[in-house]
PDB file of N, CA and C in Angstrom:
ATOM      1  N   MET A   1       8.644  61.874  -0.103  1.00  0.00           N
ATOM      2  CA  MET A   1       8.498  60.729   0.125  1.00  0.00           C
ATOM      3  C   MET A   1       8.530  59.535  -1.511  1.00  0.00           C
ATOM      4  N   GLU A   2       7.528  60.037  -2.134  1.00  0.00           N
ATOM      5  CA  GLU A   2       7.128  59.281  -3.177  1.00  0.00           C
ATOM      6  C   GLU A   2       8.692  59.288  -4.213  1.00  0.00           C
ATOM      7  N   SER A   3       9.384  59.963  -4.239  1.00  0.00           N
ATOM      8  CA  SER A   3      10.518  60.328  -5.639  1.00  0.00           C
ATOM      9  C   SER A   3      11.807  59.470  -4.699  1.00  0.00           C
ATOM     10  N   LEU A   4      11.729  59.442  -3.482  1.00  0.00           N
ATOM     11  CA  LEU A   4      12.843  59.064  -2.746  1.00  0.00           C
ATOM     12  C   LEU A   4      12.132  57.322  -3.271  1.00  0.00           C
ATOM     13  N   LYS A   5      10.933  57.143  -2.687  1.00  0.00           N
ATOM     14  CA  LYS A   5      11.138  55.324  -3.350  1.00  0.00           C
ATOM     15  C   LYS A   5      10.382  55.257  -4.428  1.00  0.00           C
ATOM     16  N   SER A   6      10.408  55.876  -5.361  1.00  0.00           N
ATOM     17  CA  SER A   6      10.920  55.753  -6.900  1.00  0.00           C
ATOM     18  C   SER A   6      12.141  55.677  -7.004  1.00  0.00           C
ATOM     19  N   GLU A   7      13.238  56.242  -6.594  1.00  0.00           N
ATOM     20  CA  GLU A   7      14.573  56.454  -6.790  1.00  0.00           C
ATOM     21  C   GLU A   7      15.394  54.930  -6.134  1.00  0.00           C
ATOM     22  N   THR A   8      14.722  54.875  -5.063  1.00  0.00           N
ATOM     23  CA  THR A   8      15.575  53.172  -4.147  1.00  0.00           C
ATOM     24  C   THR A   8      14.523  51.607  -4.736  1.00  0.00           C
ATOM     25  N   LYS A   9      13.629  51.995  -5.704  1.00  0.00           N
ATOM     26  CA  LYS A   9      12.724  51.017  -5.923  1.00  0.00           C
ATOM     27  C   LYS A   9      13.540  49.753  -6.825  1.00  0.00           C
ATOM     28  N   GLU A  10      14.422  50.180  -7.702  1.00  0.00           N
ATOM     29  CA  GLU A  10      15.543  49.401  -8.428  1.00  0.00           C
ATOM     30  C   GLU A  10      16.390  48.644  -7.199  1.00  0.00           C
ATOM     31  N   LEU A  11      16.464  49.202  -6.500  1.00  0.00           N
ATOM     32  CA  LEU A  11      17.462  48.691  -5.612  1.00  0.00           C
ATOM     33  C   LEU A  11      17.078  48.247  -4.273  1.00  0.00           C
ATOM     34  N   GLN A  12      15.391  48.038  -4.154  1.00  0.00           N
ATOM     35  CA  GLN A  12      14.590  47.528  -3.295  1.00  0.00           C
ATOM     36  C   GLN A  12      14.338  45.970  -3.567  1.00  0.00           C
ATOM     37  N   GLU A  13      14.006  46.005  -4.979  1.00  0.00           N
ATOM     38  CA  GLU A  13      13.657  44.766  -5.665  1.00  0.00           C
ATOM     39  C   GLU A  13      15.085  43.964  -5.511  1.00  0.00           C
ATOM     40  N   GLU A  14      16.361  44.931  -5.455  1.00  0.00           N
ATOM     41  CA  GLU A  14      17.750  43.498  -5.756  1.00  0.00           C
ATOM     42  C   GLU A  14      17.977  42.935  -4.679  1.00  0.00           C
ATOM     43  N   LYS A  15      17.596  43.949  -3.275  1.00  0.00           N
ATOM     44  CA  LYS A  15      17.813  43.409  -2.538  1.00  0.00           C
ATOM     45  C   LYS A  15      16.730  41.955  -1.986  1.00  0.00           C
ATOM     46  N   ASP A  16      16.151  42.504  -2.211  1.00  0.00           N
ATOM     47  CA  ASP A  16      14.521  41.295  -2.312  1.00  0.00           C
ATOM     48  C   ASP A  16      14.976  40.273  -2.760  1.00  0.00           C
ATOM     49  N   LYS A  17      15.647  40.367  -4.239  1.00  0.00           N
ATOM     50  CA  LYS A  17      15.615  39.347  -4.215  1.00  0.00           C
ATOM     51  C   LYS A  17      16.446  38.409  -4.206  1.00  0.00           C
ATOM     52  N   LYS A  18      18.535  39.314  -3.325  1.00  0.00           N
ATOM     53  CA  LYS A  18      19.223  38.764  -2.673  1.00  0.00           C
ATOM     54  C   LYS A  18      18.550  38.059  -1.384  1.00  0.00           C
ATOM     55  N   GLU A  19      17.710  38.827  -0.625  1.00  0.00           N
ATOM     56  CA  GLU A  19      17.080  37.949   0.412  1.00  0.00           C
ATOM     57  C   GLU A  19      16.837  36.896   0.400  1.00  0.00           C
ATOM     58  N   GLU A  20      15.990  36.780  -1.111  1.00  0.00           N
ATOM     59  CA  GLU A  20      15.653  35.606  -1.716  1.00  0.00           C
ATOM     60  C   GLU A  20      16.204  34.131  -1.515  1.00  0.00           C
ATOM     61  N   GLU A  21      17.475  34.703  -2.517  1.00  0.00           N
ATOM     62  CA  GLU A  21      18.749  34.251  -2.355  1.00  0.00           C
ATOM     63  C   GLU A  21      19.452  33.574  -1.278  1.00  0.00           C
ATOM     64  N   LEU A  22      19.024  34.065   0.055  1.00  0.00           N
ATOM     65  CA  LEU A  22      20.062  34.172   0.756  1.00  0.00           C
ATOM     66  C   LEU A  22      18.987  33.298   2.126  1.00  0.00           C
ATOM     67  N   LEU A  23      18.002  32.986   1.600  1.00  0.00           N
ATOM     68  CA  LEU A  23      16.799  31.809   2.341  1.00  0.00           C
ATOM     69  C   LEU A  23      16.954  30.310   1.636  1.00  0.00           C
ATOM     70  N   GLU A  24      17.370  30.759   0.549  1.00  0.00           N
ATOM     71  CA  GLU A  24      17.678  29.716  -0.119  1.00  0.00           C
ATOM     72  C   GLU A  24      18.998  28.605   0.124  1.00  0.00           C
ATOM     73  N   LEU A  25      19.849  29.253   0.715  1.00  0.00           N
ATOM     74  CA  LEU A  25      21.281  29.672   0.484  1.00  0.00           C
ATOM     75  C   LEU A  25      21.034  28.503   2.014  1.00  0.00           C
ATOM     76  N   GLN A  26      20.304  29.644   3.184  1.00  0.00           N
ATOM     77  CA  GLN A  26      20.688  29.446   4.146  1.00  0.00           C
ATOM     78  C   GLN A  26      20.021  27.589   4.404  1.00  0.00           C
ATOM     79  N   LYS A  27      18.550  27.854   3.525  1.00  0.00           N
ATOM     80  CA  LYS A  27      18.102  26.165   3.452  1.00  0.00           C
ATOM     81  C   LYS A  27      18.809  25.176   3.037  1.00  0.00           C
ATOM     82  N   GLU A  28      19.563  25.572   2.000  1.00  0.00           N
ATOM     83  CA  GLU A  28      20.661  24.095   1.722  1.00  0.00           C
ATOM     84  C   GLU A  28      21.849  24.164   2.518  1.00  0.00           C
ATOM     85  N   VAL A  29      21.964  25.157   3.442  1.00  0.00           N
ATOM     86  CA  VAL A  29      23.308  25.054   4.190  1.00  0.00           C
ATOM     87  C   VAL A  29      22.387  24.060   6.136  1.00  0.00           C
ATOM     88  N   ASN A  30      21.676  24.359   5.942  1.00  0.00           N
ATOM     89  CA  ASN A  30      21.027  23.577   7.343  1.00  0.00           C
ATOM     90  C   ASN A  30      20.520  22.068   6.817  1.00  0.00           C
ATOM     91  N   LYS A  31      19.924  21.632   5.780  1.00  0.00           N
ATOM     92  CA  LYS A  31      19.930  20.175   4.970  1.00  0.00           C
ATOM     93  C   LYS A  31      21.409  19.727   5.323  1.00  0.00           C
ATOM     94  N   THR A  32      22.469  20.496   5.119  1.00  0.00           N
ATOM     95  CA  THR A  32      23.435  20.038   4.725  1.00  0.00           C
ATOM     96  C   THR A  32      23.903  19.889   6.207  1.00  0.00           C
ATOM     97  N   LYS A  33      24.329  20.901   7.405  1.00  0.00           N
ATOM     98  CA  LYS A  33      24.572  19.917   8.933  1.00  0.00           C
ATOM     99  C   LYS A  33      23.454  18.956   9.269  1.00  0.00           C
ATOM    100  N   SER A  34      22.172  18.826   8.552  1.00  0.00           N
ATOM    101  CA  SER A  34      21.354  17.857   9.205  1.00  0.00           C
ATOM    102  C   SER A  34      22.144  16.493   9.072  1.00  0.00           C
ATOM    103  N   GLN A  35      22.124  17.000   7.453  1.00  0.00           N
ATOM    104  CA  GLN A  35      23.118  14.890   6.978  1.00  0.00           C
ATOM    105  C   GLN A  35      24.412  15.340   7.546  1.00  0.00           C
ATOM    106  N   LEU A  36      25.136  15.934   8.217  1.00  0.00           N
ATOM    107  CA  LEU A  36      26.537  15.741   8.844  1.00  0.00           C
ATOM    108  C   LEU A  36      26.482  15.531  10.039  1.00  0.00           C
ATOM    109  N   ASN A  37      25.160  16.297  10.616  1.00  0.00           N
ATOM    110  CA  ASN A  37      25.327  15.335  12.092  1.00  0.00           C
ATOM    111  C   ASN A  37      24.586  13.919  12.100  1.00  0.00           C
ATOM    112  N   ILE A  38      23.938  13.635  11.236  1.00  0.00           N
ATOM    113  CA  ILE A  38      23.152  11.986  10.806  1.00  0.00           C
ATOM    114  C   ILE A  38      24.472  11.556  10.483  1.00  0.00           C
ATOM    115  N   GLY A  39      24.915  11.764   9.441  1.00  0.00           N
ATOM    116  CA  GLY A  39      26.242  10.888   9.417  1.00  0.00           C
ATOM    117  C   GLY A  39      26.725  10.654  10.629  1.00  0.00           C
ATOM    118  N   GLN A  40      27.655  12.282  11.428  1.00  0.00           N
ATOM    119  CA  GLN A  40      28.568  11.962  12.453  1.00  0.00           C
ATOM    120  C   GLN A  40      27.622  10.811  13.803  1.00  0.00           C
ATOM    121  N   SER A  41      26.728  10.816  13.918  1.00  0.00           N
ATOM    122  CA  SER A  41      25.668  10.140  14.665  1.00  0.00           C
ATOM    123  C   SER A  41      25.939   8.840  14.000  1.00  0.00           C
ATOM    124  N   GLU A  42      25.654   8.542  12.822  1.00  0.00           N
ATOM    125  CA  GLU A  42      25.933   7.064  12.787  1.00  0.00           C
ATOM    126  C   GLU A  42      27.207   6.231  13.162  1.00  0.00           C
ATOM    127  N   LEU A  43      28.760   7.842  12.820  1.00  0.00           N
ATOM    128  CA  LEU A  43      30.052   7.273  12.839  1.00  0.00           C
ATOM    129  C   LEU A  43      30.171   6.635  14.131  1.00  0.00           C
ATOM    130  N   ASP A  44      29.995   8.010  15.105  1.00  0.00           N
ATOM    131  CA  ASP A  44      29.899   7.586  16.868  1.00  0.00           C
ATOM    132  C   ASP A  44      29.640   6.233  17.220  1.00  0.00           C
ATOM    133  N   LEU A  45      28.414   5.861  16.989  1.00  0.00           N
ATOM    134  CA  LEU A  45      27.395   4.803  16.786  1.00  0.00           C
ATOM    135  C   LEU A  45      28.048   3.646  16.538  1.00  0.00           C
ATOM    136  N   TYR A  46      28.871   3.499  15.042  1.00  0.00           N
ATOM    137  CA  TYR A  46      29.906   2.248  15.043  1.00  0.00           C
ATOM    138  C   TYR A  46      31.086   2.486  15.386  1.00  0.00           C
ATOM    139  N   LEU A  47      31.573   3.579  15.725  1.00  0.00           N
ATOM    140  CA  LEU A  47      32.814   3.571  16.057  1.00  0.00           C
ATOM    141  C   LEU A  47      32.584   2.892  18.293  1.00  0.00           C
ATOM    142  N   SER A  48      31.741   3.506  18.649  1.00  0.00           N
ATOM    143  CA  SER A  48      31.536   3.007  19.880  1.00  0.00           C
ATOM    144  C   SER A  48      30.879   1.112  19.379  1.00  0.00           C
ATOM    145  N   ASN A  49      29.997   0.741  18.951  1.00  0.00           N
ATOM    146  CA  ASN A  49      30.484  -0.521  18.753  1.00  0.00           C
ATOM    147  C   ASN A  49      31.664  -1.258  18.611  1.00  0.00           C
ATOM    148  N   GLN A  50      32.487  -0.913  17.324  1.00  0.00           N
ATOM    149  CA  GLN A  50      33.492  -0.864  17.448  1.00  0.00           C
ATOM    150  C   GLN A  50      34.631  -1.228  18.538  1.00  0.00           C
ATOM    151  N   LYS A  51      34.671  -0.027  19.557  1.00  0.00           N
ATOM    152  CA  LYS A  51      35.200  -0.126  20.647  1.00  0.00           C
ATOM    153  C   LYS A  51      34.659  -1.218  21.811  1.00  0.00           C
ATOM    154  N   SER A  52      33.486  -1.288  21.593  1.00  0.00           N
ATOM    155  CA  SER A  52      32.815  -2.732  22.387  1.00  0.00           C
ATOM    156  C   SER A  52      33.242  -3.825  22.375  1.00  0.00           C
ATOM    157  N   GLU A  53      33.062  -4.299  21.219  1.00  0.00           N
ATOM    158  CA  GLU A  53      33.658  -5.483  20.562  1.00  0.00           C
ATOM    159  C   GLU A  53      34.781  -5.529  20.885  1.00  0.00           C
ATOM    160  N   THR A  54      36.586  -4.444  20.612  1.00  0.00           N
ATOM    161  CA  THR A  54      37.294  -5.109  20.373  1.00  0.00           C
ATOM    162  C   THR A  54      37.650  -5.012  22.075  1.00  0.00           C
ATOM    163  N   SER A  55      36.954  -4.532  23.133  1.00  0.00           N
ATOM    164  CA  SER A  55      36.838  -4.656  24.094  1.00  0.00           C
ATOM    165  C   SER A  55      36.840  -6.485  24.277  1.00  0.00           C
ATOM    166  N   ARG A  56      35.657  -6.858  24.356  1.00  0.00           N
ATOM    167  CA  ARG A  56      34.812  -7.993  23.745  1.00  0.00           C
ATOM    168  C   ARG A  56      36.129  -9.312  23.835  1.00  0.00           C
ATOM    169  N   LEU A  57      36.534  -8.702  22.644  1.00  0.00           N
ATOM    170  CA  LEU A  57      38.099  -9.693  21.664  1.00  0.00           C
ATOM    171  C   LEU A  57      39.271  -9.575  23.068  1.00  0.00           C
ATOM    172  N   VAL A  58      39.513  -8.406  23.684  1.00  0.00           N
ATOM    173  CA  VAL A  58      41.085  -8.172  24.512  1.00  0.00           C
ATOM    174  C   VAL A  58      40.269  -9.261  25.552  1.00  0.00           C
ATOM    175  N   ASP A  59      39.241  -9.488  26.097  1.00  0.00           N
ATOM    176  CA  ASP A  59      39.291  -9.929  27.454  1.00  0.00           C
ATOM    177  C   ASP A  59      38.683 -11.675  26.433  1.00  0.00           C
ATOM    178  N   MET A  60      38.170 -11.840  25.926  1.00  0.00           N
ATOM    179  CA  MET A  60      38.380 -13.241  25.240  1.00  0.00           C
ATOM    180  C   MET A  60      39.860 -13.611  25.178  1.00  0.00           C
ATOM    181  N   GLN A  61      40.131 -12.899  24.363  1.00  0.00           N
ATOM    182  CA  GLN A  61      42.328 -13.501  24.223  1.00  0.00           C
ATOM    183  C   GLN A  61      42.698 -13.735  25.553  1.00  0.00           C
ATOM    184  N   ARG A  62      42.549 -12.861  26.448  1.00  0.00           N
ATOM    185  CA  ARG A  62      43.279 -12.739  27.943  1.00  0.00           C
ATOM    186  C   ARG A  62      41.984 -14.071  28.669  1.00  0.00           C
ATOM    187  N   ASN A  63      41.238 -14.274  28.084  1.00  0.00           N
ATOM    188  CA  ASN A  63      40.986 -15.521  29.029  1.00  0.00           C
ATOM    189  C   ASN A  63      41.776 -17.067  28.031  1.00  0.00           C
ATOM    190  N   LEU A  64      41.232 -16.931  27.060  1.00  0.00           N
ATOM    191  CA  LEU A  64      41.916 -18.100  26.209  1.00  0.00           C
ATOM    192  C   LEU A  64      42.963 -18.148  27.511  1.00  0.00           C
ATOM    193  N   HIS A  65      44.055 -17.280  27.105  1.00  0.00           N
ATOM    194  CA  HIS A  65      45.869 -17.390  27.491  1.00  0.00           C
ATOM    195  C   HIS A  65      45.728 -17.776  28.764  1.00  0.00           C
ATOM    196  N   LYS A  66      44.770 -16.838  29.378  1.00  0.00           N
ATOM    197  CA  LYS A  66      44.589 -17.913  31.158  1.00  0.00           C
ATOM    198  C   LYS A  66      44.068 -19.630  31.290  1.00  0.00           C
ATOM    199  N   ALA A  67      43.240 -19.581  30.070  1.00  0.00           N
ATOM    200  CA  ALA A  67      42.771 -20.691  30.185  1.00  0.00           C
ATOM    201  C   ALA A  67      43.698 -21.930  29.921  1.00  0.00           C
ATOM    202  N   GLN A  68      44.576 -21.708  28.539  1.00  0.00           N
ATOM    203  CA  GLN A  68      45.202 -22.285  27.778  1.00  0.00           C
ATOM    204  C   GLN A  68      46.833 -23.122  29.337  1.00  0.00           C
ATOM    205  N   THR A  69      47.139 -21.220  30.178  1.00  0.00           N
ATOM    206  CA  THR A  69      47.916 -21.815  31.099  1.00  0.00           C
ATOM    207  C   THR A  69      47.879 -22.847  31.992  1.00  0.00           C
ATOM    208  N   THR A  70      46.296 -22.507  32.238  1.00  0.00           N
ATOM    209  CA  THR A  70      45.534 -23.629  33.261  1.00  0.00           C
ATOM    210  C   THR A  70      45.629 -24.984  32.678  1.00  0.00           C
ATOM    211  N   VAL A  71      45.084 -25.552  31.548  1.00  0.00           N
ATOM    212  CA  VAL A  71      45.755 -26.459  30.714  1.00  0.00           C
ATOM    213  C   VAL A  71      47.080 -26.844  31.139  1.00  0.00           C
ATOM    214  N   LYS A  72      47.662 -26.481  30.506  1.00  0.00           N
ATOM    215  CA  LYS A  72      49.055 -26.976  30.309  1.00  0.00           C
ATOM    216  C   LYS A  72      49.901 -27.222  31.961  1.00  0.00           C
ATOM    217  N   ASP A  73      49.300 -26.283  33.251  1.00  0.00           N
ATOM    218  CA  ASP A  73      49.954 -26.551  34.327  1.00  0.00           C
ATOM    219  C   ASP A  73      48.743 -27.881  34.872  1.00  0.00           C
ATOM    220  N   ARG A  74      47.679 -27.863  34.685  1.00  0.00           N
ATOM    221  CA  ARG A  74      47.165 -28.986  35.082  1.00  0.00           C
ATOM    222  C   ARG A  74      47.490 -30.604  34.038  1.00  0.00           C
ATOM    223  N   LYS A  75      47.998 -30.590  32.913  1.00  0.00           N
ATOM    224  CA  LYS A  75      48.779 -31.440  32.744  1.00  0.00           C
ATOM    225  C   LYS A  75      50.134 -31.574  33.398  1.00  0.00           C
ATOM    226  N   ASN A  76      50.934 -30.831  33.680  1.00  0.00           N
ATOM    227  CA  ASN A  76      52.371 -31.152  34.251  1.00  0.00           C
ATOM    228  C   ASN A  76      51.830 -31.917  35.421  1.00  0.00           C
ATOM    229  N   GLU A  77      51.322 -31.167  35.707  1.00  0.00           N
ATOM    230  CA  GLU A  77      50.755 -31.985  37.264  1.00  0.00           C
ATOM    231  C   GLU A  77      50.265 -33.397  37.075  1.00  0.00           C
ATOM    232  N   LEU A  78      49.361 -33.370  36.140  1.00  0.00           N
ATOM    233  CA  LEU A  78      49.008 -35.457  36.268  1.00  0.00           C
ATOM    234  C   LEU A  78      50.147 -35.762  36.045  1.00  0.00           C
ATOM    235  N   GLU A  79      50.605 -35.495  35.002  1.00  0.00           N
ATOM    236  CA  GLU A  79      52.113 -36.397  34.632  1.00  0.00           C
ATOM    237  C   GLU A  79      53.255 -36.682  35.755  1.00  0.00           C
ATOM    238  N   ARG A  80      53.246 -35.570  36.699  1.00  0.00           N
ATOM    239  CA  ARG A  80      54.108 -35.555  38.070  1.00  0.00           C
ATOM    240  C   ARG A  80      53.662 -36.237  38.732  1.00  0.00           C
ATOM    241  N   THR A  81      52.365 -36.715  38.899  1.00  0.00           N
ATOM    242  CA  THR A  81      51.744 -37.947  40.003  1.00  0.00           C
ATOM    243  C   THR A  81      51.886 -38.875  39.291  1.00  0.00           C
ATOM    244  N   ALA A  82      51.279 -39.229  37.813  1.00  0.00           N
ATOM    245  CA  ALA A  82      51.870 -40.377  37.500  1.00  0.00           C
ATOM    246  C   ALA A  82      52.784 -40.916  37.386  1.00  0.00           C
ATOM    247  N   GLU A  83      53.988 -39.989  37.533  1.00  0.00           N
ATOM    248  CA  GLU A  83      55.628 -40.183  37.601  1.00  0.00           C
ATOM    249  C   GLU A  83      55.447 -40.720  38.857  1.00  0.00           C
ATOM    250  N   LYS A  84      55.764 -40.093  39.686  1.00  0.00           N
ATOM    251  CA  LYS A  84      55.408 -40.543  41.368  1.00  0.00           C
ATOM    252  C   LYS A  84      54.160 -41.848  40.998  1.00  0.00           C
ATOM    253  N   LYS A  85      53.137 -41.733  41.110  1.00  0.00           N
ATOM    254  CA  LYS A  85      53.047 -43.342  40.855  1.00  0.00           C
ATOM    255  C   LYS A  85      53.783 -44.620  40.154  1.00  0.00           C
ATOM    256  N   TYR A  86      53.783 -44.152  38.958  1.00  0.00           N
ATOM    257  CA  TYR A  86      54.941 -45.807  38.240  1.00  0.00           C
ATOM    258  C   TYR A  86      56.023 -45.549  39.504  1.00  0.00           C
ATOM    259  N   LEU A  87      56.447 -44.947  39.596  1.00  0.00           N
ATOM    260  CA  LEU A  87      57.908 -45.143  40.863  1.00  0.00           C
ATOM    261  C   LEU A  87      57.825 -45.648  42.225  1.00  0.00           C
ATOM    262  N   ASN A  88      56.233 -45.159  42.371  1.00  0.00           N
ATOM    263  CA  ASN A  88      56.105 -45.502  44.186  1.00  0.00           C
ATOM    264  C   ASN A  88      55.509 -47.412  43.511  1.00  0.00           C
TER     265      ASN A  88
END
């Protein structure tokens, strides 16, 4: 058994070294994944805000158009009323 241990000692040391390297690489991968997740969350938040603000803008534009149409219609109505009064 001792001879087997001595024969594989070099391989065991190499294996241990590679496992340590693997742990360091896994830590780096986990750190990078965390940063990616944070970045994705921030992007999702910005896109959500943009979508909300875009929707608000569309509603405001629609309301502006309605208001302009209402003002135009009332102006025309007032002009017709003024003409009728003038003609009578």
